[in-house]
Structures are given as C-alpha cells and as structure tokens.
Amino acid sequence: MAGKLGISFPLLSDVGLKTALAYGVAMDGDEIAVPATFIVTADKRIVYEKVGESVTDRPSVSDITEALDALR
C-alpha cells in the first residue's frame, strides 16, 4: 500500500484493535477505532493527541504541522 501511495513511511495495521484499546480509542460494540491522531516522540511521549467524536472529527493538516513544528 505504501508503494501504491508513493509514501516512504511505514503503514501499520491494528488487527484485533490491541493498540486502539490501549490508547482508549476503540469504538464500543464495533471492531473499529474512532478517528484519532497521536504524535509520539522517539522516547515514547505523546506530545499531541486528537481523538475525534465522530468519523468526520479529525485534526486539520495545519493543526498537525503546528504540533510537529513545536517539537523543533
């Protein structure tokens, strides 16, 4: 999939929702997660978190890039 999309970073899959459950973003009664974006540093600190309340509730690209810029 990464090759098809032309991206150079790894894509991960969360079969069984193990990660979604650990982050508290698995939807009750469904086998999917709510939209969630986390920025995690190399030392495993969560420095940005946006957990959506609906399928369309997602951070903007500028919100994410601002959070990344703040890490510099």
PDB file of N, CA and C in Angstrom:
ATOM      1  N   MET A   1       0.820  -1.193   0.000  1.00  0.00           N
ATOM      2  CA  MET A   1       0.000   0.000   0.000  1.00  0.00           C
ATOM      3  C   MET A   1       0.864   1.257   0.000  1.00  0.00           C
ATOM      4  N   ALA A   2       1.948   1.258   0.792  1.00  0.00           N
ATOM      5  CA  ALA A   2       2.827   2.426   0.838  1.00  0.00           C
ATOM      6  C   ALA A   2       3.400   2.725  -0.551  1.00  0.00           C
ATOM      7  N   GLY A   3       3.812   1.671  -1.266  1.00  0.00           N
ATOM      8  CA  GLY A   3       4.330   1.851  -2.619  1.00  0.00           C
ATOM      9  C   GLY A   3       3.287   2.406  -3.564  1.00  0.00           C
ATOM     10  N   LYS A   4       2.067   1.913  -3.445  1.00  0.00           N
ATOM     11  CA  LYS A   4       0.971   2.377  -4.294  1.00  0.00           C
ATOM     12  C   LYS A   4       0.683   3.856  -4.053  1.00  0.00           C
ATOM     13  N   LEU A   5       0.788   4.279  -2.795  1.00  0.00           N
ATOM     14  CA  LEU A   5       0.532   5.673  -2.448  1.00  0.00           C
ATOM     15  C   LEU A   5       1.759   6.562  -2.618  1.00  0.00           C
ATOM     16  N   GLY A   6       2.919   5.950  -2.823  1.00  0.00           N
ATOM     17  CA  GLY A   6       4.145   6.714  -3.014  1.00  0.00           C
ATOM     18  C   GLY A   6       4.651   7.364  -1.730  1.00  0.00           C
ATOM     19  N   ILE A   7       4.459   6.705  -0.603  1.00  0.00           N
ATOM     20  CA  ILE A   7       4.936   7.261   0.665  1.00  0.00           C
ATOM     21  C   ILE A   7       6.133   6.459   1.168  1.00  0.00           C
ATOM     22  N   SER A   8       6.968   7.109   1.970  1.00  0.00           N
ATOM     23  CA  SER A   8       8.203   6.461   2.406  1.00  0.00           C
ATOM     24  C   SER A   8       8.175   6.033   3.865  1.00  0.00           C
ATOM     25  N   PHE A   9       7.062   6.232   4.547  1.00  0.00           N
ATOM     26  CA  PHE A   9       6.979   5.838   5.951  1.00  0.00           C
ATOM     27  C   PHE A   9       6.140   4.566   6.068  1.00  0.00           C
ATOM     28  N   PRO A  10       6.364   3.792   7.139  1.00  0.00           N
ATOM     29  CA  PRO A  10       5.623   2.541   7.273  1.00  0.00           C
ATOM     30  C   PRO A  10       4.157   2.770   7.620  1.00  0.00           C
ATOM     31  N   LEU A  11       3.314   1.913   7.096  1.00  0.00           N
ATOM     32  CA  LEU A  11       1.898   1.893   7.452  1.00  0.00           C
ATOM     33  C   LEU A  11       1.674   0.706   8.370  1.00  0.00           C
ATOM     34  N   LEU A  12       0.907   0.904   9.394  1.00  0.00           N
ATOM     35  CA  LEU A  12       0.667  -0.160  10.364  1.00  0.00           C
ATOM     36  C   LEU A  12      -0.801  -0.536  10.376  1.00  0.00           C
ATOM     37  N   SER A  13      -1.090  -1.779  10.711  1.00  0.00           N
ATOM     38  CA  SER A  13      -2.449  -2.264  10.826  1.00  0.00           C
ATOM     39  C   SER A  13      -2.677  -2.724  12.258  1.00  0.00           C
ATOM     40  N   ASP A  14      -3.867  -2.514  12.769  1.00  0.00           N
ATOM     41  CA  ASP A  14      -4.174  -2.849  14.163  1.00  0.00           C
ATOM     42  C   ASP A  14      -5.205  -3.974  14.216  1.00  0.00           C
ATOM     43  N   VAL A  15      -4.815  -5.130  13.721  1.00  0.00           N
ATOM     44  CA  VAL A  15      -5.695  -6.296  13.730  1.00  0.00           C
ATOM     45  C   VAL A  15      -6.031  -6.647  15.176  1.00  0.00           C
ATOM     46  N   GLY A  16      -7.311  -6.790  15.467  1.00  0.00           N
ATOM     47  CA  GLY A  16      -7.737  -7.104  16.822  1.00  0.00           C
ATOM     48  C   GLY A  16      -7.857  -5.897  17.741  1.00  0.00           C
ATOM     49  N   LEU A  17      -7.572  -4.704  17.218  1.00  0.00           N
ATOM     50  CA  LEU A  17      -7.702  -3.436  17.958  1.00  0.00           C
ATOM     51  C   LEU A  17      -6.859  -3.358  19.230  1.00  0.00           C
ATOM     52  N   LYS A  18      -5.776  -4.112  19.309  1.00  0.00           N
ATOM     53  CA  LYS A  18      -4.934  -4.101  20.506  1.00  0.00           C
ATOM     54  C   LYS A  18      -4.426  -2.684  20.813  1.00  0.00           C
ATOM     55  N   THR A  19      -3.938  -1.992  19.804  1.00  0.00           N
ATOM     56  CA  THR A  19      -3.419  -0.639  20.014  1.00  0.00           C
ATOM     57  C   THR A  19      -4.548   0.337  20.288  1.00  0.00           C
ATOM     58  N   ALA A  20      -5.636   0.243  19.544  1.00  0.00           N
ATOM     59  CA  ALA A  20      -6.780   1.137  19.767  1.00  0.00           C
ATOM     60  C   ALA A  20      -7.315   0.991  21.189  1.00  0.00           C
ATOM     61  N   LEU A  21      -7.372  -0.227  21.683  1.00  0.00           N
ATOM     62  CA  LEU A  21      -7.815  -0.445  23.060  1.00  0.00           C
ATOM     63  C   LEU A  21      -6.833   0.169  24.052  1.00  0.00           C
ATOM     64  N   ALA A  22      -5.535   0.016  23.800  1.00  0.00           N
ATOM     65  CA  ALA A  22      -4.519   0.569  24.696  1.00  0.00           C
ATOM     66  C   ALA A  22      -4.573   2.095  24.742  1.00  0.00           C
ATOM     67  N   TYR A  23      -4.898   2.717  23.616  1.00  0.00           N
ATOM     68  CA  TYR A  23      -4.987   4.173  23.546  1.00  0.00           C
ATOM     69  C   TYR A  23      -6.385   4.685  23.892  1.00  0.00           C
ATOM     70  N   GLY A  24      -7.315   3.779  24.115  1.00  0.00           N
ATOM     71  CA  GLY A  24      -8.662   4.183  24.502  1.00  0.00           C
ATOM     72  C   GLY A  24      -9.495   4.756  23.372  1.00  0.00           C
ATOM     73  N   VAL A  25      -9.243   4.309  22.144  1.00  0.00           N
ATOM     74  CA  VAL A  25      -9.970   4.863  21.003  1.00  0.00           C
ATOM     75  C   VAL A  25     -10.793   3.825  20.234  1.00  0.00           C
ATOM     76  N   ALA A  26     -10.948   2.626  20.791  1.00  0.00           N
ATOM     77  CA  ALA A  26     -11.794   1.615  20.150  1.00  0.00           C
ATOM     78  C   ALA A  26     -13.256   1.982  20.386  1.00  0.00           C
ATOM     79  N   MET A  27     -14.059   1.869  19.341  1.00  0.00           N
ATOM     80  CA  MET A  27     -15.482   2.183  19.474  1.00  0.00           C
ATOM     81  C   MET A  27     -16.193   1.042  20.189  1.00  0.00           C
ATOM     82  N   ASP A  28     -17.019   1.372  21.158  1.00  0.00           N
ATOM     83  CA  ASP A  28     -17.788   0.364  21.880  1.00  0.00           C
ATOM     84  C   ASP A  28     -18.712  -0.378  20.929  1.00  0.00           C
ATOM     85  N   GLY A  29     -18.658  -1.697  20.979  1.00  0.00           N
ATOM     86  CA  GLY A  29     -19.565  -2.513  20.193  1.00  0.00           C
ATOM     87  C   GLY A  29     -19.172  -2.696  18.736  1.00  0.00           C
ATOM     88  N   ASP A  30     -18.147  -2.017  18.276  1.00  0.00           N
ATOM     89  CA  ASP A  30     -17.691  -2.145  16.890  1.00  0.00           C
ATOM     90  C   ASP A  30     -16.236  -2.583  16.880  1.00  0.00           C
ATOM     91  N   GLU A  31     -15.836  -3.158  15.783  1.00  0.00           N
ATOM     92  CA  GLU A  31     -14.443  -3.568  15.663  1.00  0.00           C
ATOM     93  C   GLU A  31     -13.641  -2.541  14.882  1.00  0.00           C
ATOM     94  N   ILE A  32     -13.855  -1.270  15.206  1.00  0.00           N
ATOM     95  CA  ILE A  32     -13.101  -0.174  14.588  1.00  0.00           C
ATOM     96  C   ILE A  32     -12.743   0.837  15.667  1.00  0.00           C
ATOM     97  N   ALA A  33     -11.875   1.740  15.320  1.00  0.00           N
ATOM     98  CA  ALA A  33     -11.478   2.802  16.246  1.00  0.00           C
ATOM     99  C   ALA A  33     -12.089   4.120  15.793  1.00  0.00           C
ATOM    100  N   VAL A  34     -12.287   5.038  16.728  1.00  0.00           N
ATOM    101  CA  VAL A  34     -12.698   6.389  16.352  1.00  0.00           C
ATOM    102  C   VAL A  34     -11.495   7.052  15.691  1.00  0.00           C
ATOM    103  N   PRO A  35     -11.714   8.074  14.873  1.00  0.00           N
ATOM    104  CA  PRO A  35     -10.570   8.765  14.281  1.00  0.00           C
ATOM    105  C   PRO A  35      -9.698   9.346  15.398  1.00  0.00           C
ATOM    106  N   ALA A  36      -8.423   9.045  15.360  1.00  0.00           N
ATOM    107  CA  ALA A  36      -7.515   9.539  16.392  1.00  0.00           C
ATOM    108  C   ALA A  36      -6.146   9.782  15.774  1.00  0.00           C
ATOM    109  N   THR A  37      -5.531  10.871  16.188  1.00  0.00           N
ATOM    110  CA  THR A  37      -4.190  11.214  15.734  1.00  0.00           C
ATOM    111  C   THR A  37      -3.327  11.445  16.958  1.00  0.00           C
ATOM    112  N   PHE A  38      -2.185  10.769  16.994  1.00  0.00           N
ATOM    113  CA  PHE A  38      -1.226  10.931  18.079  1.00  0.00           C
ATOM    114  C   PHE A  38       0.132  11.227  17.468  1.00  0.00           C
ATOM    115  N   ILE A  39       0.866  12.138  18.079  1.00  0.00           N
ATOM    116  CA  ILE A  39       2.274  12.318  17.739  1.00  0.00           C
ATOM    117  C   ILE A  39       3.040  11.810  18.948  1.00  0.00           C
ATOM    118  N   VAL A  40       3.882  10.810  18.693  1.00  0.00           N
ATOM    119  CA  VAL A  40       4.635  10.148  19.755  1.00  0.00           C
ATOM    120  C   VAL A  40       6.121  10.354  19.467  1.00  0.00           C
ATOM    121  N   THR A  41       6.853  10.824  20.456  1.00  0.00           N
ATOM    122  CA  THR A  41       8.282  11.067  20.276  1.00  0.00           C
ATOM    123  C   THR A  41       9.067   9.758  20.328  1.00  0.00           C
ATOM    124  N   ALA A  42      10.324   9.832  19.959  1.00  0.00           N
ATOM    125  CA  ALA A  42      11.188   8.649  19.977  1.00  0.00           C
ATOM    126  C   ALA A  42      11.299   8.056  21.376  1.00  0.00           C
ATOM    127  N   ASP A  43      11.163   8.908  22.412  1.00  0.00           N
ATOM    128  CA  ASP A  43      11.228   8.391  23.780  1.00  0.00           C
ATOM    129  C   ASP A  43       9.834   8.025  24.318  1.00  0.00           C
ATOM    130  N   LYS A  44       8.885   7.850  23.393  1.00  0.00           N
ATOM    131  CA  LYS A  44       7.542   7.319  23.660  1.00  0.00           C
ATOM    132  C   LYS A  44       6.626   8.254  24.450  1.00  0.00           C
ATOM    133  N   ARG A  45       6.863   9.565  24.351  1.00  0.00           N
ATOM    134  CA  ARG A  45       5.959  10.536  24.972  1.00  0.00           C
ATOM    135  C   ARG A  45       4.920  10.966  23.945  1.00  0.00           C
ATOM    136  N   ILE A  46       3.670  11.020  24.369  1.00  0.00           N
ATOM    137  CA  ILE A  46       2.617  11.547  23.496  1.00  0.00           C
ATOM    138  C   ILE A  46       2.648  13.064  23.644  1.00  0.00           C
ATOM    139  N   VAL A  47       2.962  13.758  22.544  1.00  0.00           N
ATOM    140  CA  VAL A  47       3.071  15.217  22.598  1.00  0.00           C
ATOM    141  C   VAL A  47       1.917  15.910  21.875  1.00  0.00           C
ATOM    142  N   TYR A  48       1.098  15.140  21.196  1.00  0.00           N
ATOM    143  CA  TYR A  48      -0.092  15.687  20.538  1.00  0.00           C
ATOM    144  C   TYR A  48      -1.122  14.580  20.486  1.00  0.00           C
ATOM    145  N   GLU A  49      -2.361  14.949  20.765  1.00  0.00           N
ATOM    146  CA  GLU A  49      -3.440  13.966  20.759  1.00  0.00           C
ATOM    147  C   GLU A  49      -4.733  14.647  20.326  1.00  0.00           C
ATOM    148  N   LYS A  50      -5.384  14.053  19.346  1.00  0.00           N
ATOM    149  CA  LYS A  50      -6.710  14.498  18.927  1.00  0.00           C
ATOM    150  C   LYS A  50      -7.548  13.251  18.720  1.00  0.00           C
ATOM    151  N   VAL A  51      -8.538  13.061  19.574  1.00  0.00           N
ATOM    152  CA  VAL A  51      -9.445  11.922  19.467  1.00  0.00           C
ATOM    153  C   VAL A  51     -10.790  12.469  19.011  1.00  0.00           C
ATOM    154  N   GLY A  52     -11.240  12.026  17.858  1.00  0.00           N
ATOM    155  CA  GLY A  52     -12.478  12.525  17.294  1.00  0.00           C
ATOM    156  C   GLY A  52     -13.710  11.969  17.997  1.00  0.00           C
ATOM    157  N   GLU A  53     -14.773  12.732  17.910  1.00  0.00           N
ATOM    158  CA  GLU A  53     -16.043  12.292  18.489  1.00  0.00           C
ATOM    159  C   GLU A  53     -16.964  11.686  17.440  1.00  0.00           C
ATOM    160  N   SER A  54     -16.567  11.811  16.169  1.00  0.00           N
ATOM    161  CA  SER A  54     -17.332  11.218  15.071  1.00  0.00           C
ATOM    162  C   SER A  54     -16.355  10.885  13.952  1.00  0.00           C
ATOM    163  N   VAL A  55     -16.850  10.215  12.935  1.00  0.00           N
ATOM    164  CA  VAL A  55     -15.991   9.814  11.817  1.00  0.00           C
ATOM    165  C   VAL A  55     -15.365  11.021  11.116  1.00  0.00           C
ATOM    166  N   THR A  56     -16.049  12.134  11.113  1.00  0.00           N
ATOM    167  CA  THR A  56     -15.533  13.312  10.418  1.00  0.00           C
ATOM    168  C   THR A  56     -14.725  14.256  11.307  1.00  0.00           C
ATOM    169  N   ASP A  57     -14.648  13.978  12.590  1.00  0.00           N
ATOM    170  CA  ASP A  57     -13.940  14.850  13.532  1.00  0.00           C
ATOM    171  C   ASP A  57     -12.453  14.491  13.546  1.00  0.00           C
ATOM    172  N   ARG A  58     -11.703  15.192  12.708  1.00  0.00           N
ATOM    173  CA  ARG A  58     -10.269  14.931  12.553  1.00  0.00           C
ATOM    174  C   ARG A  58      -9.508  16.251  12.612  1.00  0.00           C
ATOM    175  N   PRO A  59      -8.241  16.214  13.026  1.00  0.00           N
ATOM    176  CA  PRO A  59      -7.474  17.454  13.058  1.00  0.00           C
ATOM    177  C   PRO A  59      -7.157  17.924  11.642  1.00  0.00           C
ATOM    178  N   SER A  60      -6.954  19.217  11.508  1.00  0.00           N
ATOM    179  CA  SER A  60      -6.557  19.749  10.202  1.00  0.00           C
ATOM    180  C   SER A  60      -5.069  19.484   9.991  1.00  0.00           C
ATOM    181  N   VAL A  61      -4.657  19.559   8.748  1.00  0.00           N
ATOM    182  CA  VAL A  61      -3.238  19.405   8.437  1.00  0.00           C
ATOM    183  C   VAL A  61      -2.436  20.480   9.157  1.00  0.00           C
ATOM    184  N   SER A  62      -2.962  21.696   9.215  1.00  0.00           N
ATOM    185  CA  SER A  62      -2.228  22.771   9.891  1.00  0.00           C
ATOM    186  C   SER A  62      -2.103  22.514  11.392  1.00  0.00           C
ATOM    187  N   ASP A  63      -3.114  21.913  12.016  1.00  0.00           N
ATOM    188  CA  ASP A  63      -3.008  21.554  13.435  1.00  0.00           C
ATOM    189  C   ASP A  63      -1.850  20.580  13.653  1.00  0.00           C
ATOM    190  N   ILE A  64      -1.740  19.612  12.784  1.00  0.00           N
ATOM    191  CA  ILE A  64      -0.698  18.598  12.918  1.00  0.00           C
ATOM    192  C   ILE A  64       0.679  19.202  12.632  1.00  0.00           C
ATOM    193  N   THR A  65       0.786  19.982  11.569  1.00  0.00           N
ATOM    194  CA  THR A  65       2.094  20.563  11.252  1.00  0.00           C
ATOM    195  C   THR A  65       2.538  21.550  12.323  1.00  0.00           C
ATOM    196  N   GLU A  66       1.602  22.290  12.916  1.00  0.00           N
ATOM    197  CA  GLU A  66       1.960  23.185  14.021  1.00  0.00           C
ATOM    198  C   GLU A  66       2.496  22.390  15.213  1.00  0.00           C
ATOM    199  N   ALA A  67       1.861  21.280  15.510  1.00  0.00           N
ATOM    200  CA  ALA A  67       2.333  20.424  16.619  1.00  0.00           C
ATOM    201  C   ALA A  67       3.718  19.872  16.316  1.00  0.00           C
ATOM    202  N   LEU A  68       3.952  19.483  15.083  1.00  0.00           N
ATOM    203  CA  LEU A  68       5.280  18.975  14.695  1.00  0.00           C
ATOM    204  C   LEU A  68       6.327  20.084  14.735  1.00  0.00           C
ATOM    205  N   ASP A  69       5.964  21.262  14.253  1.00  0.00           N
ATOM    206  CA  ASP A  69       6.890  22.404  14.292  1.00  0.00           C
ATOM    207  C   ASP A  69       7.291  22.752  15.706  1.00  0.00           C
ATOM    208  N   ALA A  70       6.365  22.604  16.657  1.00  0.00           N
ATOM    209  CA  ALA A  70       6.629  22.926  18.064  1.00  0.00           C
ATOM    210  C   ALA A  70       7.675  21.996  18.672  1.00  0.00           C
ATOM    211  N   LEU A  71       7.880  20.846  18.055  1.00  0.00           N
ATOM    212  CA  LEU A  71       8.869  19.897  18.557  1.00  0.00           C
ATOM    213  C   LEU A  71      10.297  20.296  18.184  1.00  0.00           C
ATOM    214  N   ARG A  72      10.446  21.164  17.236  1.00  0.00           N
ATOM    215  CA  ARG A  72      11.785  21.572  16.784  1.00  0.00           C
ATOM    216  C   ARG A  72      12.450  22.488  17.739  1.00  0.00           C
TER     217      ARG A  72
END
